[in-house]
Protein backbone atom coordinates (compact mmCIF):
# COMPACT_ATOMS: atom_id res chain seq x y z
CA UNK A 1 20.32 -13.83 25.78
CA UNK A 2 19.62 -10.12 26.44
CA UNK A 3 16.34 -10.01 28.34
CA UNK A 4 13.97 -7.31 27.17
CA UNK A 5 15.47 -6.87 23.68
CA UNK A 6 13.87 -7.34 20.27
CA UNK A 7 16.66 -8.46 17.96
CA UNK A 8 17.36 -6.61 14.75
CA UNK A 9 16.37 -9.64 12.63
CA UNK A 10 12.77 -8.41 12.66
CA UNK A 11 13.91 -5.47 10.50
CA UNK A 12 15.81 -7.69 8.08
CA UNK A 13 12.83 -9.68 6.75
CA UNK A 14 13.60 -10.67 3.12
CA UNK A 15 11.69 -8.68 0.52
CA UNK A 16 10.93 -5.72 2.82
CA UNK A 17 12.89 -2.47 2.87
CA UNK A 18 12.95 -0.20 5.91
CA UNK A 19 13.90 3.41 6.60
CA UNK A 20 13.96 4.69 10.17
CA UNK A 21 12.77 8.28 10.68
CA UNK A 22 12.69 8.64 14.49
CA UNK A 23 13.72 7.00 17.76
CA UNK A 24 11.53 7.17 20.87
CA UNK A 25 9.30 9.75 19.18
CA UNK A 26 12.09 12.20 18.24
CA UNK A 27 13.08 12.56 14.57
CA UNK A 28 16.49 11.55 13.30
CA UNK A 29 18.78 14.23 11.89
CA UNK A 30 19.09 14.40 8.07
CA UNK A 31 22.54 12.78 8.27
CA UNK A 32 21.23 9.93 10.42
CA UNK A 33 18.30 9.46 8.05
CA UNK A 34 20.81 9.24 5.18
CA UNK A 35 23.21 6.92 7.02
CA UNK A 36 20.50 4.86 8.79
CA UNK A 37 22.88 3.98 11.66
CA UNK A 38 20.46 1.58 13.37
CA UNK A 39 19.55 -0.30 10.20
CA UNK A 40 23.00 -0.19 8.57
CA UNK A 41 25.78 -1.70 10.71
CA UNK A 42 28.46 -0.24 8.40
CA UNK A 43 27.14 3.35 8.56
CA UNK A 44 29.59 6.05 9.72
CA UNK A 45 27.61 6.63 12.89
CA UNK A 46 27.86 2.97 13.46
CA UNK A 47 24.95 0.96 14.93
CA UNK A 48 24.74 -1.28 17.92
CA UNK A 49 26.92 -4.38 18.03
CA UNK A 50 26.40 -6.56 15.96
CA UNK A 51 24.69 -3.80 13.97
CA UNK A 52 21.13 -3.03 13.10
CA UNK A 53 18.14 -1.72 15.02
CA UNK A 54 17.63 -3.30 18.43
CA UNK A 55 14.66 -2.31 20.56
CA UNK A 56 14.78 -2.62 24.33
CA UNK A 57 11.62 -2.75 26.43
CA UNK A 58 10.05 0.70 26.14
CA UNK A 59 11.95 1.76 22.99
CA UNK A 60 10.02 2.94 19.94
CA UNK A 61 11.14 3.38 16.35
CA UNK A 62 9.30 5.16 13.52
CA UNK A 63 9.80 3.20 10.30
CA UNK A 64 8.81 3.63 6.69
CA UNK A 65 8.33 0.19 5.15
CA UNK A 66 8.30 -0.84 1.49
CA UNK A 67 6.66 -4.23 0.96
CA UNK A 68 7.72 -6.64 -1.81
CA UNK A 69 6.53 -5.58 -5.30
CA UNK A 70 4.47 -8.74 -5.81
CA UNK A 71 1.80 -10.43 -3.73
CA UNK A 72 2.91 -13.21 -1.39
CA UNK A 73 1.45 -16.67 -1.73
CA UNK A 74 1.71 -17.23 2.03
CA UNK A 75 1.88 -14.95 5.07
CA UNK A 76 5.46 -13.72 5.65
CA UNK A 77 6.81 -14.19 9.21
CA UNK A 78 8.65 -11.38 11.02
CA UNK A 79 11.07 -12.85 13.57
CA UNK A 80 13.10 -11.66 16.53
CA UNK A 81 15.84 -14.26 16.54
CA UNK A 82 13.92 -17.48 16.01
CA UNK A 83 10.68 -16.21 17.61
CA UNK A 84 7.87 -15.27 15.20
CA UNK A 85 6.30 -11.98 16.32
CA UNK A 86 3.71 -11.52 13.56
CA UNK A 87 2.87 -12.29 9.91
CA UNK A 88 2.26 -9.98 6.95
CA UNK A 89 0.27 -10.98 3.88
CA UNK A 90 1.06 -8.91 0.76
CA UNK A 91 -1.95 -8.63 -1.57
CA UNK A 92 -3.21 -6.54 -4.49
CA UNK A 93 -1.62 -5.11 -7.62
CA UNK A 94 1.85 -3.50 -7.59
CA UNK A 95 1.85 0.28 -7.09
CA UNK A 96 3.94 2.55 -9.32
CA UNK A 97 6.21 4.91 -7.35
CA UNK A 98 7.74 7.33 -9.90
CA UNK A 99 9.51 9.36 -7.17
CA UNK A 100 10.76 6.32 -5.27
CA UNK A 101 9.46 4.58 -2.17
CA UNK A 102 11.25 6.86 0.33
CA UNK A 103 11.99 10.59 0.62
CA UNK A 104 15.45 11.28 -0.88
CA UNK A 105 16.15 13.90 1.80
CA UNK A 106 14.84 14.38 5.33
CA UNK A 107 13.52 17.34 7.32
CA UNK A 108 16.00 19.62 9.07
CA UNK A 109 16.24 19.28 12.82
CA UNK A 110 14.58 22.12 14.76
CA UNK A 111 17.14 24.09 16.74
CA UNK A 112 16.03 22.71 20.10
CA UNK A 113 16.89 19.17 18.85
CA UNK A 114 20.41 19.97 17.65
CA UNK A 115 23.34 18.29 19.40
CA UNK A 116 23.72 19.38 23.01
CA UNK A 117 27.09 20.94 23.71
CA UNK A 118 29.49 19.26 26.11
CA UNK A 119 28.86 20.37 29.72
CA UNK A 120 31.60 22.64 31.05
CA UNK A 121 32.09 23.55 34.72
CA UNK A 122 31.73 25.78 36.61
CA UNK A 123 28.60 26.94 34.75
CA UNK A 124 27.31 23.38 34.27
CA UNK A 125 26.99 21.50 37.55
CA UNK A 126 28.09 17.84 37.27
CA UNK A 127 25.76 15.20 38.67
CA UNK A 128 27.26 14.11 42.03
CA UNK A 129 25.31 10.81 41.88
CA UNK A 130 26.71 9.61 38.54
CA UNK A 131 27.55 6.86 37.65
CA UNK A 132 24.10 5.33 38.01
CA UNK A 133 24.90 1.67 38.72
CA UNK A 134 22.38 -1.07 37.90
CA UNK A 135 23.24 -3.99 40.20
CA UNK A 136 22.17 -7.08 42.04
CA UNK A 137 23.53 -8.46 45.33
CA UNK A 138 27.29 -8.93 45.68
CA UNK A 139 29.02 -12.12 44.46
CA UNK A 140 26.12 -13.11 42.20
CA UNK A 141 27.36 -14.09 38.72
CA UNK A 142 24.14 -15.10 36.91
CA UNK A 143 20.38 -14.46 36.90
CA UNK A 144 17.87 -16.94 38.29
CA UNK A 145 17.67 -18.51 41.74
CA UNK A 146 20.84 -18.74 43.82
CA UNK A 147 21.85 -21.82 45.83
CA UNK A 148 19.39 -20.76 48.55
CA UNK A 149 16.54 -20.50 46.07
CA UNK A 150 16.46 -16.69 46.18
CA UNK A 151 16.01 -14.55 43.02
CA UNK A 152 18.18 -11.48 42.41
CA UNK A 153 17.72 -8.32 44.45
CA UNK A 154 17.69 -5.67 41.73
CA UNK A 155 19.28 -2.41 42.88
CA UNK A 156 20.52 0.97 41.71
CA UNK A 157 23.59 2.36 43.44
CA UNK A 158 23.54 -0.26 46.15
CA UNK A 159 19.91 -0.19 47.26
CA UNK A 160 16.40 -1.13 46.20
CA UNK A 161 13.76 1.56 45.68
CA UNK A 162 12.83 3.14 49.02
CA UNK A 163 14.87 0.51 50.86
CA UNK A 164 15.97 3.27 53.25
CA UNK A 165 12.70 5.20 53.06
CA UNK A 166 11.59 7.87 50.56
CA UNK A 167 14.69 9.63 49.22
CA UNK A 168 15.44 11.69 46.13
CA UNK A 169 18.43 9.92 44.57
CA UNK A 170 19.04 12.28 41.61
CA UNK A 171 18.70 16.05 41.88
CA UNK A 172 19.42 18.52 39.06
CA UNK A 173 18.99 22.26 38.49
CA UNK A 174 16.32 23.45 36.07
CA UNK A 175 17.94 24.60 32.80
CA UNK A 176 20.94 22.45 33.72
CA UNK A 177 23.03 20.39 31.31
CA UNK A 178 24.71 17.16 32.46
CA UNK A 179 26.45 14.03 31.26
CA UNK A 180 25.51 10.87 33.13
CA UNK A 181 27.33 7.54 33.16
CA UNK A 182 25.04 4.48 33.35
CA UNK A 183 26.67 1.17 34.32
CA UNK A 184 25.35 -2.40 34.30
CA UNK A 185 26.91 -4.79 36.83
CA UNK A 186 24.66 -7.77 36.00
CA UNK A 187 25.45 -10.50 33.48
CA UNK A 188 23.35 -11.72 30.52
CA UNK A 189 20.78 -8.92 31.06
CA UNK A 190 20.76 -5.62 29.16
CA UNK A 191 18.86 -3.27 31.48
CA UNK A 192 16.69 -0.74 29.58
CA UNK A 193 17.30 2.56 31.41
CA UNK A 194 14.26 4.86 31.18
CA UNK A 195 13.82 8.34 32.62
CA UNK A 196 10.57 10.27 32.55
CA UNK A 197 9.95 13.87 31.32
CA UNK A 198 13.17 14.72 29.42
CA UNK A 199 14.76 12.64 26.62
CA UNK A 200 18.54 12.44 26.38
CA UNK A 201 21.22 12.06 23.72
CA UNK A 202 23.31 8.88 23.58
CA UNK A 203 26.99 9.88 23.53
CA UNK A 204 28.74 6.53 24.01
CA UNK A 205 27.98 2.82 24.49
CA UNK A 206 30.60 0.35 25.78
CA UNK A 207 29.68 -3.32 25.31
CA UNK A 208 31.90 -5.78 27.24
CA UNK A 209 33.37 -8.55 25.06
CA UNK A 210 35.27 -10.28 27.90
CA UNK A 211 36.43 -9.50 31.43
CA UNK A 212 39.02 -6.99 30.20
CA UNK A 213 37.76 -5.55 26.91
CA UNK A 214 34.74 -3.75 25.46
CA UNK A 215 33.62 -2.59 22.02
CA UNK A 216 32.71 1.09 21.82
CA UNK A 217 30.04 3.01 19.88
CA UNK A 218 30.93 6.72 20.08
CA UNK A 219 29.62 8.99 17.30
CA UNK A 220 31.23 12.43 17.09
CA UNK A 221 27.99 14.26 16.24
CA UNK A 222 24.36 13.69 15.19
CA UNK A 223 23.65 12.11 18.57
CA UNK A 224 20.33 10.27 18.68
CA UNK A 225 17.61 11.41 21.09
CA UNK A 226 16.09 8.61 23.18
CA UNK A 227 14.24 8.12 26.45
CA UNK A 228 15.18 4.43 26.79
CA UNK A 229 18.64 2.94 26.28
CA UNK A 230 19.70 -0.67 26.89
CA UNK A 231 22.79 -0.71 29.13
CA UNK A 232 24.81 -3.69 27.82
CA UNK A 233 25.23 -6.72 30.07
CA UNK A 234 28.41 -7.06 32.12
CA UNK A 235 31.03 -9.77 31.85
CA UNK A 236 31.37 -11.38 35.30
CA UNK A 237 33.78 -14.05 36.50
CA UNK A 238 32.20 -17.33 37.66
CA UNK A 239 32.88 -16.50 41.33
CA UNK A 240 31.41 -13.01 40.93
CA UNK A 241 34.56 -11.24 42.12
CA UNK A 242 35.58 -9.59 38.81
CA UNK A 243 33.19 -7.47 36.77
CA UNK A 244 33.57 -5.59 33.49
CA UNK A 245 30.36 -3.51 33.46
CA UNK A 246 28.40 -2.42 30.42
CA UNK A 247 28.46 1.36 30.17
CA UNK A 248 26.44 4.11 28.48
CA UNK A 249 27.06 7.87 28.57
CA UNK A 250 24.04 10.11 28.06
CA UNK A 251 23.74 13.91 27.82
CA UNK A 252 20.59 15.65 29.01
CA UNK A 253 19.16 19.02 29.94
CA UNK A 254 16.15 20.03 32.04
CA UNK A 255 14.60 23.06 30.31
CA UNK A 256 10.93 23.36 31.19
CA UNK A 257 9.67 21.82 34.42
CA UNK A 258 10.70 21.34 38.03
CA UNK A 259 9.28 18.58 40.19
CA UNK A 260 9.74 14.91 41.08
CA UNK A 261 9.54 11.86 38.82
CA UNK A 262 11.34 8.52 38.37
CA UNK A 263 13.99 6.66 36.44
CA UNK A 264 13.87 2.88 36.32
CA UNK A 265 14.69 -0.32 34.47
CA UNK A 266 11.97 -0.90 31.87
CA UNK A 267 11.87 -4.66 32.52
CA UNK A 268 8.80 -4.75 34.78
CA UNK A 269 10.06 -7.51 37.09
CA UNK A 270 13.30 -5.58 37.74
CA UNK A 271 11.48 -2.30 38.38
CA UNK A 272 9.06 -4.03 40.75
CA UNK A 273 11.97 -5.61 42.65
CA UNK A 274 13.66 -2.31 43.31
CA UNK A 275 15.46 -1.03 40.18
CA UNK A 276 14.07 2.51 40.38
CA UNK A 277 15.07 5.94 41.72
CA UNK A 278 13.37 9.23 42.46
CA UNK A 279 14.52 12.19 40.34
CA UNK A 280 13.89 15.85 41.17
CA UNK A 281 14.43 19.04 39.19
CA UNK A 282 14.64 22.17 41.33
CA UNK A 283 14.77 25.89 40.39
CA UNK A 284 18.36 26.74 39.56
CA UNK A 285 18.83 29.24 42.40
CA UNK A 286 17.69 26.63 44.95
CA UNK A 287 20.03 23.88 43.73
CA UNK A 288 22.77 22.69 46.04
CA UNK A 289 24.61 19.38 45.95
CA UNK A 290 21.38 17.50 46.36
CA UNK A 291 17.80 17.92 47.46
CA UNK A 292 18.23 17.40 51.21
C-alpha cells in the first residue's frame, strides 16, 4: 500500500495502446520514447519496480492513446489496482491510419534538456544539507495512530516546517549544479518529493526489498526530467530500531531565478503536518555554506 500512488494497471487496460511522450510536462528523449521505460518494464532504461508507469501525487504524464479498433458494447473501466477511476465508451466507425497510430520517431531534445553532466568540485558546490530525509518520530514502525492515539509527526531532516521558526533549510548558488540524495525513513508510504521552480533529472532509485537489500533503477543516460518523484517506502523492523530507507538521487541546476520557494511532500496531509522546507537560490557571488 503506497499512499499517494496511482498503480500502473490503469495504463494496461486491455484493448488500449499507450505511448508516453513526456513526464511532468517535459518531453522524453527520442531513445526514451522508443524504449518507453515507464510503460515497458523490460526496456533498457528499466522502469519502476515492478515495471510500468506509476504516478505519485503531483506527477503528470503525457500519453498518446489508441483505442480498440471496434466499438465497445459496454463502458470499459480503467483501474488503479482494483479501484475503478473512470470508464471509456468506444463508439463510431473504425478509422484508417495508413501511417500508423503513433509517430515512428520522436522530436530531438533541445540542448537545454540534454543530460546534465555529473557535478564536479571545486567548481560545483555540493549541497551541505543533502541527504534530505523524510521522517516521522523515532521508534515508530507504521503509519496510523500510536499506542497513545497520536498520528505521525511528519518531518524533514528531524523537524517539522518552521518548528524552530522561519529558516531556509536548502540554499544553492544561482547557475549551480548539484546532486541531491532523498531518503524515506517511513514504512508503507512512498513520499512524493516535489520542488518548485526547477525540474530535476532522476539519476537513481533504490527500493528496499527487506531490511538489508534494495533493488536499484540506475540508467546510464537519457535521464528523465521530473518535478515530483516518489521516494520508495522504507523497510523498518517491528520495534522501529532498524531502518533500510528508500533512496532517490536527483540532479538539478538553478539557471534563471534567485529567490525563496519550497520543497515538500505532495501528500497534502503530510505537507500540512510539517513535511516541507524553505529553499533559496542566491546570486553565485553571495553564496556561502548556507543562507545565514
